[in-house]
C-alpha atoms as a PDB file:
ATOM      1  CA  MET A   1      -0.340   0.089  -0.052  1.00  0.00           C
ATOM      2  CA  ASN A   2       1.303   3.323  -0.502  1.00  0.00           C
ATOM      3  CA  ASN A   3      -0.181   6.906  -1.324  1.00  0.00           C
ATOM      4  CA  SER A   4       0.944   8.213  -4.685  1.00  0.00           C
ATOM      5  CA  MET A   5      -1.755   9.886  -6.705  1.00  0.00           C
ATOM      6  CA  LYS A   6      -3.561   9.322  -9.832  1.00  0.00           C
ATOM      7  CA  LEU A   7      -5.834  11.235 -12.031  1.00  0.00           C
ATOM      8  CA  PHE A   8      -8.893   8.955 -12.809  1.00  0.00           C
ATOM      9  CA  ASP A   9     -12.037   9.539 -15.010  1.00  0.00           C
ATOM     10  CA  PHE A  10     -14.863   9.867 -13.031  1.00  0.00           C
ATOM     11  CA  ASN A  11     -16.876   7.346 -14.714  1.00  0.00           C
ATOM     12  CA  SER A  12     -14.372   4.166 -14.470  1.00  0.00           C
ATOM     13  CA  VAL A  13     -14.620   4.861 -10.743  1.00  0.00           C
ATOM     14  CA  PHE A  14     -18.203   5.545 -10.018  1.00  0.00           C
ATOM     15  CA  CYS A  15     -21.606   4.208 -11.332  1.00  0.00           C
ATOM     16  CA  SER A  16     -24.220   7.165 -10.910  1.00  0.00           C
ATOM     17  CA  ARG A  17     -27.340   7.646 -11.853  1.00  0.00           C
ATOM     18  CA  ARG A  18     -29.981  10.431 -11.698  1.00  0.00           C
ATOM     19  CA  GLY A  19     -32.779  10.569  -9.169  1.00  0.00           C
ATOM     20  CA  GLU A  20     -36.313  10.416 -10.234  1.00  0.00           C
ATOM     21  CA  ARG A  21     -38.843  13.452 -10.256  1.00  0.00           C
ATOM     22  CA  HIS A  22     -41.500  13.469  -7.662  1.00  0.00           C
ATOM     23  CA  ILE A  23     -43.311  16.757  -7.543  1.00  0.00           C
ATOM     24  CA  GLU A  24     -44.540  18.214  -4.058  1.00  0.00           C
ATOM     25  CA  ALA A  25     -47.996  17.840  -4.587  1.00  0.00           C
ATOM     26  CA  ASP A  26     -47.846  14.016  -4.640  1.00  0.00           C
ATOM     27  CA  GLN A  27     -45.403  13.782  -2.081  1.00  0.00           C
ATOM     28  CA  VAL A  28     -47.151  11.788   0.739  1.00  0.00           C
ATOM     29  CA  GLU A  29     -45.386  11.856   4.513  1.00  0.00           C
ATOM     30  CA  GLY A  30     -43.182   8.741   5.535  1.00  0.00           C
ATOM     31  CA  ASP A  31     -40.248   7.361   7.042  1.00  0.00           C
ATOM     32  CA  ILE A  32     -37.710   7.482   4.007  1.00  0.00           C
ATOM     33  CA  ALA A  33     -35.272  10.393   3.338  1.00  0.00           C
ATOM     34  CA  TYR A  34     -35.996  12.468   0.083  1.00  0.00           C
ATOM     35  CA  ILE A  35     -32.424  13.480  -0.888  1.00  0.00           C
ATOM     36  CA  SER A  36     -32.801  17.010  -3.046  1.00  0.00           C
ATOM     37  CA  SER A  37     -30.765  20.045  -3.948  1.00  0.00           C
ATOM     38  CA  THR A  38     -30.323  21.323  -0.411  1.00  0.00           C
ATOM     39  CA  LYS A  39     -26.887  21.543   1.043  1.00  0.00           C
ATOM     40  CA  MET A  40     -28.652  21.514   4.771  1.00  0.00           C
ATOM     41  CA  ASN A  41     -29.747  18.619   7.004  1.00  0.00           C
ATOM     42  CA  ASN A  42     -27.209  16.169   4.715  1.00  0.00           C
ATOM     43  CA  GLY A  43     -29.383  16.522   1.927  1.00  0.00           C
ATOM     44  CA  ILE A  44     -32.239  15.366   3.320  1.00  0.00           C
ATOM     45  CA  SER A  45     -35.422  17.960   1.758  1.00  0.00           C
ATOM     46  CA  ALA A  46     -38.215  15.513   3.568  1.00  0.00           C
ATOM     47  CA  TYR A  47     -39.076  12.175   4.310  1.00  0.00           C
ATOM     48  CA  LEU A  48     -41.817  10.280   2.446  1.00  0.00           C
ATOM     49  CA  THR A  49     -43.508   7.078   1.588  1.00  0.00           C
ATOM     50  CA  PRO A  50     -42.120   6.539  -1.751  1.00  0.00           C
ATOM     51  CA  PRO A  51     -44.052   5.916  -4.968  1.00  0.00           C
ATOM     52  CA  ASP A  52     -43.298   2.255  -6.624  1.00  0.00           C
ATOM     53  CA  PHE A  53     -41.675   4.094  -9.343  1.00  0.00           C
ATOM     54  CA  MET A  54     -38.843   5.483  -6.774  1.00  0.00           C
ATOM     55  CA  THR A  55     -35.491   3.457  -6.184  1.00  0.00           C
ATOM     56  CA  LEU A  56     -34.924   2.840  -3.097  1.00  0.00           C
ATOM     57  CA  TYR A  57     -30.844   3.411  -2.316  1.00  0.00           C
ATOM     58  CA  ASN A  58     -28.812   2.618   0.630  1.00  0.00           C
ATOM     59  CA  ASN A  59     -25.357   2.868   1.480  1.00  0.00           C
ATOM     60  CA  LYS A  60     -24.598   5.686  -1.399  1.00  0.00           C
ATOM     61  CA  LEU A  61     -23.451   8.820  -2.193  1.00  0.00           C
ATOM     62  CA  THR A  62     -25.285  11.879  -3.755  1.00  0.00           C
ATOM     63  CA  LEU A  63     -24.327  15.022  -5.447  1.00  0.00           C
ATOM     64  CA  SER A  64     -26.333  17.404  -6.128  1.00  0.00           C
ATOM     65  CA  ASN A  65     -26.833  18.826  -9.492  1.00  0.00           C
ATOM     66  CA  SER A  66     -28.886  21.309  -9.608  1.00  0.00           C
ATOM     67  CA  GLY A  67     -29.889  23.892  -6.696  1.00  0.00           C
ATOM     68  CA  SER A  68     -27.196  24.006  -4.251  1.00  0.00           C
ATOM     69  CA  VAL A  69     -24.788  22.575  -6.733  1.00  0.00           C
ATOM     70  CA  GLY A  70     -22.105  20.464  -6.249  1.00  0.00           C
ATOM     71  CA  TYR A  71     -22.778  19.692  -2.519  1.00  0.00           C
ATOM     72  CA  CYS A  72     -21.772  15.512  -1.815  1.00  0.00           C
ATOM     73  CA  PHE A  73     -23.631  13.621   1.506  1.00  0.00           C
ATOM     74  CA  TYR A  74     -23.091  10.329   2.123  1.00  0.00           C
ATOM     75  CA  HIS A  75     -26.178   7.805   3.149  1.00  0.00           C
ATOM     76  CA  ASP A  76     -25.601   4.759   5.001  1.00  0.00           C
ATOM     77  CA  TYR A  77     -29.674   4.364   5.365  1.00  0.00           C
ATOM     78  CA  ASP A  78     -32.441   3.831   3.142  1.00  0.00           C
ATOM     79  CA  PHE A  79     -33.688   6.537   0.954  1.00  0.00           C
ATOM     80  CA  VAL A  80     -35.014   8.349  -2.189  1.00  0.00           C
ATOM     81  CA  ALA A  81     -33.538  10.644  -4.624  1.00  0.00           C
ATOM     82  CA  SER A  82     -35.047  13.668  -6.494  1.00  0.00           C
ATOM     83  CA  ASP A  83     -33.670  14.562 -10.149  1.00  0.00           C
ATOM     84  CA  HIS A  84     -32.175  17.545  -8.537  1.00  0.00           C
ATOM     85  CA  ALA A  85     -29.553  15.054  -7.007  1.00  0.00           C
ATOM     86  CA  THR A  86     -27.312  12.384  -8.822  1.00  0.00           C
ATOM     87  CA  VAL A  87     -27.154   9.093  -6.641  1.00  0.00           C
ATOM     88  CA  ILE A  88     -23.094   7.502  -6.756  1.00  0.00           C
ATOM     89  CA  TRP A  89     -21.559   4.208  -5.959  1.00  0.00           C
ATOM     90  CA  ILE A  90     -18.441   2.254  -6.348  1.00  0.00           C
ATOM     91  CA  LYS A  91     -18.003   0.852 -10.306  1.00  0.00           C
ATOM     92  CA  ASP A  92     -16.071  -2.321  -8.363  1.00  0.00           C
ATOM     93  CA  GLU A  93     -18.237  -4.416  -6.378  1.00  0.00           C
ATOM     94  CA  SER A  94     -15.966  -5.965  -4.323  1.00  0.00           C
ATOM     95  CA  VAL A  95     -15.559  -2.409  -2.559  1.00  0.00           C
ATOM     96  CA  LYS A  96     -17.569  -2.206   0.114  1.00  0.00           C
ATOM     97  CA  LEU A  97     -18.235   1.615   0.641  1.00  0.00           C
ATOM     98  CA  ASN A  98     -18.426   2.978   4.055  1.00  0.00           C
ATOM     99  CA  ARG A  99     -18.586   6.427   6.172  1.00  0.00           C
ATOM    100  CA  ASP A 100     -14.640   6.703   6.335  1.00  0.00           C
ATOM    101  CA  ILE A 101     -14.450   6.299   2.791  1.00  0.00           C
ATOM    102  CA  ALA A 102     -17.269   8.495   2.136  1.00  0.00           C
ATOM    103  CA  LEU A 103     -15.363  10.791   4.604  1.00  0.00           C
ATOM    104  CA  TYR A 104     -12.301  11.072   2.575  1.00  0.00           C
ATOM    105  CA  LEU A 105     -14.356  11.162  -1.079  1.00  0.00           C
ATOM    106  CA  LYS A 106     -16.942  13.963  -0.082  1.00  0.00           C
ATOM    107  CA  PRO A 107     -14.338  16.869  -0.018  1.00  0.00           C
ATOM    108  CA  ILE A 108     -13.029  15.717  -3.206  1.00  0.00           C
ATOM    109  CA  ILE A 109     -16.080  15.104  -5.084  1.00  0.00           C
ATOM    110  CA  GLU A 110     -17.147  18.945  -3.602  1.00  0.00           C
ATOM    111  CA  SER A 111     -14.078  20.279  -5.378  1.00  0.00           C
ATOM    112  CA  MET A 112     -16.071  20.686  -8.515  1.00  0.00           C
ATOM    113  CA  ARG A 113     -18.088  22.838  -7.463  1.00  0.00           C
ATOM    114  CA  TYR A 114     -16.319  25.584  -8.352  1.00  0.00           C
ATOM    115  CA  LYS A 115     -17.324  25.019 -11.967  1.00  0.00           C
ATOM    116  CA  TYR A 116     -20.939  24.936 -11.321  1.00  0.00           C
ATOM    117  CA  ASN A 117     -23.894  27.174 -10.321  1.00  0.00           C
ATOM    118  CA  PHE A 118     -27.176  27.685 -10.298  1.00  0.00           C
ATOM    119  CA  GLY A 119     -27.406  28.445 -14.056  1.00  0.00           C
ATOM    120  CA  ARG A 120     -24.829  25.508 -14.916  1.00  0.00           C
ATOM    121  CA  GLU A 121     -25.717  22.491 -13.146  1.00  0.00           C
ATOM    122  CA  ILE A 122     -23.542  18.898 -13.432  1.00  0.00           C
ATOM    123  CA  LYS A 123     -25.295  17.201 -16.276  1.00  0.00           C
ATOM    124  CA  ASP A 124     -24.890  13.623 -16.854  1.00  0.00           C
ATOM    125  CA  ASP A 125     -22.845  14.330 -19.774  1.00  0.00           C
ATOM    126  CA  ARG A 126     -20.733  16.841 -18.054  1.00  0.00           C
ATOM    127  CA  LEU A 127     -20.133  14.465 -15.067  1.00  0.00           C
ATOM    128  CA  ALA A 128     -18.641  11.638 -17.403  1.00  0.00           C
ATOM    129  CA  LYS A 129     -16.119  14.199 -18.423  1.00  0.00           C
ATOM    130  CA  GLU A 130     -15.139  14.583 -14.824  1.00  0.00           C
ATOM    131  CA  LYS A 131     -11.691  13.756 -13.501  1.00  0.00           C
ATOM    132  CA  ILE A 132     -11.015  12.587  -9.967  1.00  0.00           C
ATOM    133  CA  LEU A 133      -7.474  12.634  -7.903  1.00  0.00           C
ATOM    134  CA  LEU A 134      -7.278  10.092  -5.587  1.00  0.00           C
ATOM    135  CA  PRO A 135      -4.530   7.602  -3.948  1.00  0.00           C
ATOM    136  CA  ALA A 136      -3.759   4.734  -6.269  1.00  0.00           C
ATOM    137  CA  TYR A 137      -1.930   1.284  -5.501  1.00  0.00           C
ATOM    138  CA  GLY A 138      -1.255  -0.760  -8.537  1.00  0.00           C
ATOM    139  CA  GLY A 139      -2.812   1.519 -11.140  1.00  0.00           C
ATOM    140  CA  ASN A 140      -6.292   1.306  -9.301  1.00  0.00           C
ATOM    141  CA  PRO A 141      -7.985   3.508  -6.134  1.00  0.00           C
ATOM    142  CA  ASP A 142      -6.142   2.672  -2.859  1.00  0.00           C
ATOM    143  CA  TRP A 143      -9.861   2.162  -1.138  1.00  0.00           C
ATOM    144  CA  ARG A 144      -8.040   0.814   2.059  1.00  0.00           C
ATOM    145  CA  PHE A 145      -5.667   4.041   2.172  1.00  0.00           C
ATOM    146  CA  MET A 146      -8.444   6.126   2.224  1.00  0.00           C
ATOM    147  CA  GLU A 147     -10.222   4.134   4.938  1.00  0.00           C
ATOM    148  CA  THR A 148      -6.886   4.315   7.218  1.00  0.00           C
ATOM    149  CA  TYR A 149      -6.555   7.936   6.375  1.00  0.00           C
ATOM    150  CA  VAL A 150      -9.948   9.224   7.947  1.00  0.00           C
ATOM    151  CA  GLN A 151      -9.501   6.803  10.691  1.00  0.00           C
ATOM    152  CA  SER A 152      -5.960   8.375  11.953  1.00  0.00           C
ATOM    153  CA  LEU A 153      -7.332  11.258  11.849  1.00  0.00           C
ATOM    154  CA  ARG A 154     -10.554  10.637  14.120  1.00  0.00           C
ATOM    155  CA  GLU A 155      -7.993   9.012  16.356  1.00  0.00           C
ATOM    156  CA  LYS A 156      -6.179  12.723  16.293  1.00  0.00           C
ATOM    157  CA  VAL A 157      -9.315  14.824  17.582  1.00  0.00           C
ATOM    158  CA  LYS A 158      -9.535  16.092  20.977  1.00  0.00           C
ATOM    159  CA  TRP A 159     -12.607  16.692  22.728  1.00  0.00           C
ATOM    160  CA  SER A 160     -12.121  19.088  25.479  1.00  0.00           C
ATOM    161  CA  LYS A 161     -14.776  17.900  28.431  1.00  0.00           C
ATOM    162  CA  ILE A 162     -16.503  21.095  29.983  1.00  0.00           C
ATOM    163  CA  PRO A 163     -17.644  20.591  33.371  1.00  0.00           C
ATOM    164  CA  THR A 164     -21.213  19.649  34.112  1.00  0.00           C
ATOM    165  CA  SER A 165     -23.379  20.991  36.656  1.00  0.00           C
ATOM    166  CA  ASN A 166     -26.053  18.269  37.997  1.00  0.00           C
ATOM    167  CA  HIS A 167     -29.289  20.021  37.061  1.00  0.00           C
ATOM    168  CA  SER A 168     -30.985  18.974  34.016  1.00  0.00           C
ATOM    169  CA  PRO A 169     -33.753  20.970  31.806  1.00  0.00           C
ATOM    170  CA  ILE A 170     -37.281  21.357  33.225  1.00  0.00           C
ATOM    171  CA  SER A 171     -39.814  18.909  31.818  1.00  0.00           C
ATOM    172  CA  ILE A 172     -41.751  20.708  28.913  1.00  0.00           C
ATOM    173  CA  PHE A 173     -42.943  16.769  26.961  1.00  0.00           C
ATOM    174  CA  ASP A 174     -45.388  15.706  29.829  1.00  0.00           C
ATOM    175  CA  ARG A 175     -47.346  19.214  28.991  1.00  0.00           C
ATOM    176  CA  LYS A 176     -50.247  19.901  26.403  1.00  0.00           C
ATOM    177  CA  TRP A 177     -49.035  21.237  23.301  1.00  0.00           C
ATOM    178  CA  ASP A 178     -50.806  22.461  20.407  1.00  0.00           C
ATOM    179  CA  GLU A 179     -50.594  23.922  16.471  1.00  0.00           C
ATOM    180  CA  ILE A 180     -50.934  27.507  16.371  1.00  0.00           C
ATOM    181  CA  GLU A 181     -50.565  29.739  13.651  1.00  0.00           C
ATOM    182  CA  MET A 182     -48.053  32.046  13.439  1.00  0.00           C
ATOM    183  CA  ASP A 183     -50.650  34.696  12.010  1.00  0.00           C
ATOM    184  CA  LYS A 184     -52.350  34.642  15.387  1.00  0.00           C
ATOM    185  CA  LEU A 185     -48.776  34.862  16.998  1.00  0.00           C
ATOM    186  CA  PHE A 186     -47.010  37.448  15.261  1.00  0.00           C
ATOM    187  CA  VAL A 187     -47.590  41.074  13.440  1.00  0.00           C
ATOM    188  CA  PHE A 188     -45.586  40.775   9.921  1.00  0.00           C
ATOM    189  CA  LYS A 189     -43.563  43.077   8.362  1.00  0.00           C
ATOM    190  CA  LYS A 190     -41.531  42.931   5.315  1.00  0.00           C
ATOM    191  CA  GLY A 191     -38.424  44.025   4.559  1.00  0.00           C
ATOM    192  CA  LYS A 192     -37.204  46.545   2.076  1.00  0.00           C
ATOM    193  CA  ARG A 193     -35.072  45.841  -1.914  1.00  0.00           C
ATOM    194  CA  LEU A 194     -31.631  47.445  -1.418  1.00  0.00           C
ATOM    195  CA  VAL A 195     -29.407  47.312  -4.438  1.00  0.00           C
ATOM    196  CA  LYS A 196     -25.563  46.400  -4.281  1.00  0.00           C
ATOM    197  CA  THR A 197     -24.633  49.599  -5.801  1.00  0.00           C
ATOM    198  CA  ASP A 198     -26.468  51.722  -3.320  1.00  0.00           C
ATOM    199  CA  MET A 199     -24.842  50.180  -0.126  1.00  0.00           C
ATOM    200  CA  GLN A 200     -21.857  52.617   1.377  1.00  0.00           C
ATOM    201  CA  SER A 201     -20.113  50.980   4.444  1.00  0.00           C
ATOM    202  CA  GLY A 202     -22.135  52.361   7.609  1.00  0.00           C
ATOM    203  CA  GLN A 203     -23.090  50.948  11.464  1.00  0.00           C
ATOM    204  CA  THR A 204     -26.625  49.505  10.632  1.00  0.00           C
ATOM    205  CA  TYR A 205     -26.998  46.076  10.666  1.00  0.00           C
ATOM    206  CA  PHE A 206     -28.329  44.924   7.442  1.00  0.00           C
ATOM    207  CA  ILE A 207     -29.905  41.470   7.485  1.00  0.00           C
ATOM    208  CA  GLY A 208     -30.310  39.221   4.216  1.00  0.00           C
ATOM    209  CA  ALA A 209     -31.544  35.932   3.577  1.00  0.00           C
ATOM    210  CA  ILE A 210     -28.299  33.908   4.588  1.00  0.00           C
ATOM    211  CA  SER A 211     -27.972  31.086   7.317  1.00  0.00           C
ATOM    212  CA  SER A 212     -25.030  32.509   9.250  1.00  0.00           C
ATOM    213  CA  ASN A 213     -23.788  35.583  11.292  1.00  0.00           C
ATOM    214  CA  ASN A 214     -27.213  35.996  12.898  1.00  0.00           C
ATOM    215  CA  GLY A 215     -28.299  37.008   9.336  1.00  0.00           C
ATOM    216  CA  VAL A 216     -25.805  39.966   9.146  1.00  0.00           C
ATOM    217  CA  ARG A 217     -24.807  40.453   5.660  1.00  0.00           C
ATOM    218  CA  GLN A 218     -22.946  43.842   6.622  1.00  0.00           C
ATOM    219  CA  LEU A 219     -22.970  46.923   7.886  1.00  0.00           C
ATOM    220  CA  ILE A 220     -24.567  49.450   6.100  1.00  0.00           C
ATOM    221  CA  ASP A 221     -24.785  53.657   6.052  1.00  0.00           C
ATOM    222  CA  GLU A 222     -29.009  53.603   6.068  1.00  0.00           C
ATOM    223  CA  GLU A 223     -31.245  54.176   8.762  1.00  0.00           C
ATOM    224  CA  PRO A 224     -32.770  51.668  11.054  1.00  0.00           C
ATOM    225  CA  LEU A 225     -36.224  50.001   9.037  1.00  0.00           C
ATOM    226  CA  HIS A 226     -37.291  48.062  12.008  1.00  0.00           C
ATOM    227  CA  GLU A 227     -36.949  48.308  15.700  1.00  0.00           C
ATOM    228  CA  GLY A 228     -35.299  45.316  17.573  1.00  0.00           C
ATOM    229  CA  ASN A 229     -36.412  42.800  19.726  1.00  0.00           C
ATOM    230  CA  CYS A 230     -38.373  40.942  16.943  1.00  0.00           C
ATOM    231  CA  ILE A 231     -37.791  37.425  14.834  1.00  0.00           C
ATOM    232  CA  THR A 232     -36.526  37.623  11.245  1.00  0.00           C
ATOM    233  CA  VAL A 233     -37.427  34.668   9.084  1.00  0.00           C
ATOM    234  CA  ASN A 234     -35.962  33.955   5.625  1.00  0.00           C
ATOM    235  CA  TYR A 235     -38.691  33.460   3.029  1.00  0.00           C
ATOM    236  CA  ASN A 236     -35.972  33.232   0.312  1.00  0.00           C
ATOM    237  CA  GLY A 237     -32.382  32.329  -0.153  1.00  0.00           C
ATOM    238  CA  SER A 238     -31.572  30.337   3.018  1.00  0.00           C
ATOM    239  CA  VAL A 239     -35.710  29.622   3.312  1.00  0.00           C
ATOM    240  CA  GLY A 240     -36.505  28.945   6.559  1.00  0.00           C
ATOM    241  CA  GLU A 241     -33.392  30.213   8.682  1.00  0.00           C
ATOM    242  CA  ALA A 242     -34.648  32.433  11.728  1.00  0.00           C
ATOM    243  CA  PHE A 243     -32.901  34.747  14.109  1.00  0.00           C
ATOM    244  CA  TYR A 244     -33.692  36.569  16.777  1.00  0.00           C
ATOM    245  CA  GLN A 245     -32.573  40.665  16.151  1.00  0.00           C
ATOM    246  CA  GLU A 246     -32.049  42.396  19.765  1.00  0.00           C
ATOM    247  CA  LEU A 247     -31.214  45.902  18.080  1.00  0.00           C
ATOM    248  CA  PRO A 248     -32.549  48.042  15.022  1.00  0.00           C
ATOM    249  CA  PHE A 249     -31.673  47.133  11.982  1.00  0.00           C
ATOM    250  CA  TYR A 250     -32.161  47.373   8.117  1.00  0.00           C
ATOM    251  CA  ALA A 251     -33.829  44.087   6.483  1.00  0.00           C
ATOM    252  CA  SER A 252     -33.920  43.071   2.637  1.00  0.00           C
ATOM    253  CA  ASP A 253     -36.826  42.275   0.974  1.00  0.00           C
ATOM    254  CA  ASP A 254     -36.086  38.564   1.012  1.00  0.00           C
ATOM    255  CA  VAL A 255     -36.690  38.652   5.422  1.00  0.00           C
ATOM    256  CA  ASN A 256     -40.533  38.888   7.170  1.00  0.00           C
ATOM    257  CA  VAL A 257     -40.035  40.679  10.140  1.00  0.00           C
ATOM    258  CA  LEU A 258     -42.015  39.289  12.772  1.00  0.00           C
ATOM    259  CA  TYR A 259     -42.987  41.537  15.773  1.00  0.00           C
ATOM    260  CA  PRO A 260     -45.180  40.059  19.258  1.00  0.00           C
ATOM    261  CA  LYS A 261     -48.830  40.512  18.847  1.00  0.00           C
ATOM    262  CA  SER A 262     -50.100  43.154  21.680  1.00  0.00           C
ATOM    263  CA  TRP A 263     -51.244  39.999  23.814  1.00  0.00           C
ATOM    264  CA  TRP A 264     -47.813  38.639  24.490  1.00  0.00           C
ATOM    265  CA  ILE A 265     -44.186  40.092  25.174  1.00  0.00           C
ATOM    266  CA  LEU A 266     -41.498  38.789  23.300  1.00  0.00           C
ATOM    267  CA  ASN A 267     -37.597  38.539  25.172  1.00  0.00           C
ATOM    268  CA  ARG A 268     -34.596  36.928  23.847  1.00  0.00           C
ATOM    269  CA  ASN A 269     -35.470  33.485  25.698  1.00  0.00           C
ATOM    270  CA  ILE A 270     -38.375  33.036  24.364  1.00  0.00           C
ATOM    271  CA  ALA A 271     -37.201  33.802  21.050  1.00  0.00           C
ATOM    272  CA  LEU A 272     -34.711  31.224  21.046  1.00  0.00           C
ATOM    273  CA  PHE A 273     -37.718  28.474  22.357  1.00  0.00           C
ATOM    274  CA  LEU A 274     -39.544  29.564  18.989  1.00  0.00           C
ATOM    275  CA  ILE A 275     -37.010  30.066  16.786  1.00  0.00           C
ATOM    276  CA  THR A 276     -35.853  26.571  17.096  1.00  0.00           C
ATOM    277  CA  ILE A 277     -40.053  25.440  16.340  1.00  0.00           C
ATOM    278  CA  ILE A 278     -40.197  28.265  13.274  1.00  0.00           C
ATOM    279  CA  LYS A 279     -36.653  26.021  11.747  1.00  0.00           C
ATOM    280  CA  GLU A 280     -38.978  23.210  11.687  1.00  0.00           C
ATOM    281  CA  ASN A 281     -40.760  24.069   8.901  1.00  0.00           C
ATOM    282  CA  ARG A 282     -38.038  24.697   6.764  1.00  0.00           C
ATOM    283  CA  TYR A 283     -38.341  21.304   5.003  1.00  0.00           C
ATOM    284  CA  LEU A 284     -41.588  22.417   3.351  1.00  0.00           C
ATOM    285  CA  PHE A 285     -39.826  25.018   1.266  1.00  0.00           C
ATOM    286  CA  SER A 286     -36.756  25.450  -0.180  1.00  0.00           C
ATOM    287  CA  TYR A 287     -35.192  28.063  -2.929  1.00  0.00           C
ATOM    288  CA  GLY A 288     -38.097  27.163  -5.830  1.00  0.00           C
ATOM    289  CA  ARG A 289     -40.629  27.382  -3.478  1.00  0.00           C
ATOM    290  CA  LYS A 290     -40.707  30.253  -1.097  1.00  0.00           C
ATOM    291  CA  TRP A 291     -42.258  30.947   1.823  1.00  0.00           C
ATOM    292  CA  ASN A 292     -43.961  33.861   1.214  1.00  0.00           C
ATOM    293  CA  THR A 293     -45.610  35.752   3.789  1.00  0.00           C
ATOM    294  CA  GLN A 294     -49.251  34.637   3.071  1.00  0.00           C
ATOM    295  CA  LYS A 295     -47.809  30.563   3.257  1.00  0.00           C
ATOM    296  CA  MET A 296     -46.193  32.031   6.600  1.00  0.00           C
ATOM    297  CA  LYS A 297     -48.762  33.575   8.261  1.00  0.00           C
ATOM    298  CA  LYS A 298     -50.986  30.015   7.724  1.00  0.00           C
ATOM    299  CA  SER A 299     -48.275  27.571   8.852  1.00  0.00           C
ATOM    300  CA  LYS A 300     -48.560  26.583  12.077  1.00  0.00           C
ATOM    301  CA  LEU A 301     -45.739  26.361  15.162  1.00  0.00           C
ATOM    302  CA  LYS A 302     -46.286  23.516  17.473  1.00  0.00           C
ATOM    303  CA  LEU A 303     -46.255  24.690  21.158  1.00  0.00           C
ATOM    304  CA  PRO A 304     -46.860  24.018  24.731  1.00  0.00           C
ATOM    305  CA  VAL A 305     -50.130  25.566  25.585  1.00  0.00           C
ATOM    306  CA  GLY A 306     -51.885  26.637  29.006  1.00  0.00           C
ATOM    307  CA  ASP A 307     -55.294  25.746  30.508  1.00  0.00           C
ATOM    308  CA  ASP A 308     -56.468  28.900  27.956  1.00  0.00           C
ATOM    309  CA  GLY A 309     -54.803  27.137  24.961  1.00  0.00           C
ATOM    310  CA  ASN A 310     -52.825  30.001  24.578  1.00  0.00           C
ATOM    311  CA  PRO A 311     -48.876  29.059  24.337  1.00  0.00           C
ATOM    312  CA  ASP A 312     -47.125  28.769  27.901  1.00  0.00           C
ATOM    313  CA  PHE A 313     -44.368  31.397  26.952  1.00  0.00           C
ATOM    314  CA  ASN A 314     -43.859  31.601  30.705  1.00  0.00           C
ATOM    315  CA  LEU A 315     -42.721  27.955  30.489  1.00  0.00           C
ATOM    316  CA  MET A 316     -41.283  28.538  27.281  1.00  0.00           C
ATOM    317  CA  GLU A 317     -38.598  31.222  28.744  1.00  0.00           C
ATOM    318  CA  ARG A 318     -37.997  28.958  32.136  1.00  0.00           C
ATOM    319  CA  TYR A 319     -37.166  26.003  29.802  1.00  0.00           C
ATOM    320  CA  ILE A 320     -34.617  28.060  28.162  1.00  0.00           C
ATOM    321  CA  LEU A 321     -33.124  29.149  31.329  1.00  0.00           C
ATOM    322  CA  SER A 322     -32.777  25.958  33.024  1.00  0.00           C
ATOM    323  CA  LEU A 323     -30.512  24.611  30.120  1.00  0.00           C
ATOM    324  CA  GLN A 324     -26.983  24.084  30.958  1.00  0.00           C
ATOM    325  CA  TYR A 325     -25.089  26.359  28.444  1.00  0.00           C
ATOM    326  CA  VAL A 326     -27.823  29.028  27.630  1.00  0.00           C
ATOM    327  CA  ASP A 327     -25.265  31.711  28.715  1.00  0.00           C
ATOM    328  CA  LYS A 328     -23.153  30.462  25.673  1.00  0.00           C
ATOM    329  CA  LEU A 329     -25.975  30.691  23.236  1.00  0.00           C
END
């Protein structure tokens, strides 16, 4: 065994097959992972009961060929794939794919991402022309080296033990929960379009439809459009990402701004609880199916409720405060 490198034709090493189209209107909720073109959640966009025409896979890789183009994921469980994903497996049937080999392959396969984008998809003929650089032995991919290399990295990872306390979070799952429309809870306001050429560096937070940095894309020289103490939810871009905004800010038109209705009071702790529930709706939407204001208003959040049927905000806050590392959230 050695670790010399060789450039292989993609199709000489892997078999690949595009998934099957299954429109959302026909999807039935179930237990099988449905892999589409999202870069989140290991490529899983929903769990469904697949129709007979869809192929059931296991222990395979998938590659997003449109949408979030070029993201690669490993699935060691049953799944089906949409036509926005390509299923990939090792051509040599004597080689069994496993998690370690998959972890080695993932960044190498994803390195082709720079060639593609939303307007230039990874079509079958383009994938057939790709080459992949792999460790080789005797002229063939050295799968054993890939596996042991990842295993050696795992052994080097050191985990720092964080001191824990003896207390546990308060119980919330023995309480009554109910589904409540977001329109009952929030006053909805919209962001405002601001083109990049009009943006000047300043001191106002600009909230865009991104999934990181609490939604803050940059600081701009504009007066804030919105007061703080609210929740922002992306209905475009990174659809369904939600953040608590403590300070005044300017939001893009790809963001909905949610303020509490007059009968309840929002604070940071309650917001942290609600954001987790709001983000559970993400799998229903995507770049191609936006979570617009009307859909969002009708969306339901499953929340703990009191005897009056209204959300138990006091319980939500006490639960967040009971978490061991709440000060680091």
